[in-house]
Protein backbone atom coordinates (compact mmCIF):
# COMPACT_ATOMS: atom_id res chain seq x y z
CA MET A 1 -120.25 40.85 -67.68
CA PRO A 2 -118.79 40.01 -64.29
CA ALA A 3 -120.29 37.07 -62.48
CA ILE A 4 -120.66 39.23 -59.38
CA THR A 5 -123.39 41.25 -61.12
CA LEU A 6 -125.36 38.07 -61.75
CA ARG A 7 -124.79 36.87 -58.17
CA ARG A 8 -125.88 40.22 -56.77
CA HIS A 9 -128.92 40.08 -59.07
CA ARG A 10 -129.77 36.60 -57.74
CA ALA A 11 -129.14 37.70 -54.15
CA GLU A 12 -131.65 40.50 -54.62
CA LYS A 13 -134.20 37.92 -55.85
CA GLY A 14 -134.03 39.12 -59.44
CA SER A 15 -134.78 42.75 -58.65
CA THR A 16 -132.85 44.97 -61.03
CA LYS A 17 -134.28 47.95 -59.13
CA ASN A 18 -132.59 46.85 -55.87
CA VAL A 19 -129.28 46.14 -57.60
CA ALA A 20 -129.42 49.54 -59.32
CA ARG A 21 -130.05 51.26 -55.99
CA LEU A 22 -127.12 49.42 -54.35
CA VAL A 23 -124.69 50.13 -57.20
CA GLY A 24 -125.88 53.67 -57.88
CA VAL A 25 -126.95 53.30 -61.51
CA SER A 26 -130.29 53.27 -63.32
CA GLN A 27 -132.48 50.20 -63.36
CA ARG A 28 -132.21 50.10 -67.16
CA THR A 29 -128.41 49.90 -66.94
CA VAL A 30 -128.62 46.83 -64.71
CA GLN A 31 -131.19 45.32 -67.07
CA ARG A 32 -128.69 45.69 -69.93
CA TRP A 33 -125.95 44.06 -67.80
CA VAL A 34 -128.03 40.98 -67.04
CA ALA A 35 -129.92 40.70 -70.35
CA GLY A 36 -129.81 37.22 -71.81
CA ARG A 37 -130.19 38.26 -75.44
CA PRO A 38 -127.07 38.73 -77.56
CA GLY A 39 -126.45 42.27 -78.71
CA ILE A 40 -128.23 43.83 -75.75
CA ARG A 41 -125.86 42.75 -73.00
CA ARG A 42 -123.21 45.30 -72.10
CA ARG A 43 -120.42 45.13 -69.59
CA PRO A 44 -120.28 47.46 -66.57
CA SER A 45 -117.54 50.08 -66.61
CA ALA A 46 -114.45 49.63 -64.44
CA ALA A 47 -115.87 52.07 -61.87
CA HIS A 48 -119.18 50.18 -61.77
CA THR A 49 -117.35 46.87 -61.48
CA ARG A 50 -115.43 48.22 -58.46
CA ARG A 51 -118.67 49.47 -56.90
CA ILE A 52 -120.38 46.10 -57.47
CA ASP A 53 -117.39 44.39 -55.86
CA GLU A 54 -117.62 46.72 -52.83
CA VAL A 55 -121.34 46.01 -52.42
CA VAL A 56 -120.82 42.26 -52.68
CA ARG A 57 -117.96 42.30 -50.15
CA ALA A 58 -119.89 44.49 -47.72
CA ARG A 59 -122.82 42.08 -47.73
CA TRP A 60 -120.91 38.81 -48.12
CA GLN A 61 -118.13 39.11 -45.56
CA PRO A 62 -120.36 39.62 -42.51
CA ARG A 63 -122.26 36.43 -43.33
CA VAL A 64 -119.01 34.50 -43.72
CA ARG A 65 -117.80 35.82 -40.37
CA VAL A 66 -121.07 34.82 -38.69
CA ARG A 67 -120.84 31.29 -40.14
CA GLN A 68 -117.19 30.91 -39.09
CA ARG A 69 -117.94 32.19 -35.59
CA ALA A 70 -120.81 29.71 -35.20
CA ARG A 71 -118.58 26.91 -36.47
CA ALA A 72 -115.75 27.80 -34.08
CA GLU A 73 -118.15 28.01 -31.14
CA ALA A 74 -119.68 24.64 -32.02
CA ASP A 75 -116.63 22.61 -33.10
CA GLY A 76 -113.69 24.44 -31.55
CA PHE A 77 -110.57 25.59 -33.36
CA VAL A 78 -106.86 24.95 -33.68
CA ILE A 79 -104.32 27.55 -32.61
CA HIS A 80 -100.82 27.48 -34.04
CA THR A 81 -98.48 29.88 -32.28
CA ARG A 82 -94.93 30.69 -31.40
CA ALA A 83 -94.69 32.35 -28.01
CA ARG A 84 -93.01 32.20 -24.63
CA PHE A 85 -95.08 29.57 -22.88
CA GLY A 86 -94.77 27.47 -19.76
CA PHE A 87 -95.51 27.26 -16.08
CA ALA A 88 -94.25 29.97 -13.80
CA ALA A 89 -91.64 27.54 -12.47
CA PRO A 90 -88.13 27.80 -11.00
CA ALA A 91 -85.35 28.47 -13.49
CA GLY A 92 -83.99 25.32 -15.03
CA SER A 93 -87.24 23.40 -14.72
CA SER A 94 -88.47 21.67 -17.87
CA ASP A 95 -91.67 23.70 -17.52
CA ASP A 96 -89.85 27.03 -17.24
CA PRO A 97 -91.38 29.51 -19.73
CA ARG A 98 -89.51 29.40 -23.03
CA VAL A 99 -90.27 30.06 -26.66
CA ARG A 100 -92.27 27.15 -28.00
CA TRP A 101 -94.07 26.27 -31.21
CA ILE A 102 -97.51 25.05 -30.23
CA THR A 103 -100.30 23.63 -32.34
CA GLN A 104 -103.24 22.78 -30.14
CA TYR A 105 -106.94 22.10 -30.55
CA LEU A 106 -109.14 24.20 -28.25
CA PRO A 107 -112.83 23.45 -27.66
CA GLY A 108 -115.78 25.63 -28.65
CA GLU A 109 -116.17 26.95 -25.08
CA VAL A 110 -112.89 28.80 -25.51
CA ALA A 111 -114.08 30.34 -28.79
CA ARG A 112 -117.33 31.43 -27.11
CA GLU A 113 -115.36 32.99 -24.26
CA LEU A 114 -113.00 34.80 -26.65
CA PHE A 115 -115.85 36.14 -28.78
CA ALA A 116 -117.81 37.23 -25.69
CA ALA A 117 -114.74 39.06 -24.37
CA ARG A 118 -114.15 40.77 -27.71
CA ASP A 119 -117.82 41.75 -27.99
CA ALA A 120 -117.64 43.22 -24.47
CA GLY A 121 -114.69 45.37 -25.54
CA ALA A 122 -111.91 43.34 -23.95
CA GLY A 123 -108.42 44.27 -25.02
CA GLU A 124 -105.74 42.05 -26.42
CA GLN A 125 -104.25 41.44 -22.98
CA GLN A 126 -107.53 40.09 -21.60
CA GLN A 127 -107.91 37.81 -24.59
CA MET A 128 -104.34 36.58 -24.06
CA VAL A 129 -105.28 35.60 -20.49
CA ILE A 130 -108.19 33.53 -21.85
CA LEU A 131 -105.89 31.85 -24.39
CA ALA A 132 -103.20 31.22 -21.75
CA ARG A 133 -105.69 29.53 -19.45
CA ALA A 134 -107.12 27.41 -22.28
CA LEU A 135 -103.72 26.46 -23.70
CA GLY A 136 -102.39 25.65 -20.25
CA HIS A 137 -105.36 23.40 -19.57
CA ALA A 138 -105.08 21.58 -22.91
CA TYR A 139 -101.29 21.56 -23.39
CA PHE A 140 -99.71 21.29 -19.94
CA ARG A 141 -102.51 19.96 -17.79
CA ASP A 142 -103.55 17.37 -20.38
CA GLY A 143 -107.22 18.32 -20.18
CA GLY A 144 -107.18 18.54 -16.37
CA ARG A 145 -105.46 15.21 -15.67
CA ARG A 146 -102.22 16.68 -14.24
CA GLY A 147 -100.47 19.91 -13.16
CA HIS A 148 -103.33 21.27 -11.04
CA GLY A 149 -103.09 24.76 -9.57
CA LEU A 150 -100.01 25.92 -11.47
CA HIS A 151 -99.84 29.38 -13.03
CA ILE A 152 -99.40 29.48 -16.83
CA ALA A 153 -97.17 32.05 -18.53
CA PHE A 154 -98.05 32.94 -22.13
CA THR A 155 -96.11 36.00 -23.29
CA ASP A 156 -93.97 37.39 -26.11
CA VAL A 157 -96.30 36.09 -28.82
CA GLU A 158 -94.52 36.20 -32.17
CA PHE A 159 -97.59 35.07 -34.08
CA ALA A 160 -100.87 33.25 -33.55
CA ASP A 161 -102.77 31.58 -36.36
CA PHE A 162 -106.26 30.18 -35.87
CA SER A 163 -107.95 27.61 -38.08
CA ILE A 164 -111.46 26.28 -37.93
CA GLY A 165 -111.96 22.62 -38.80
């Protein structure tokens, strides 16, 4: 019997009736799946195994996302990206926008701002503005110690990968 059936059974506080309702089988069928006595235990069919997997994923993934969001908002995150990035500076300047590989830690305030924008229905472009401002502050302005008042260009993103501590 798949371990996910036992986990789902535990998650439902031992209620075979609740598991049966979620999976769409009889309570007796679930009882046979989780029975501890040899000879009584049967394995769920492939279709039931797929359905159990769907139920587990539907309930598990949202909780994982909530935990990761809380962690990013509390501890910050690291962005690793390849994009055209720099100050809007005269051509030939060392800060002229060019394709750069950047790996930068961003604080939890940025994560909160990004999540709030996404929750409010902000598009990708608006979220890019938030990232540009945060990356410019952390990468070019060295946390606010230099480069005050300069406009940051963050365009032509090839990829962006986020990791949470």
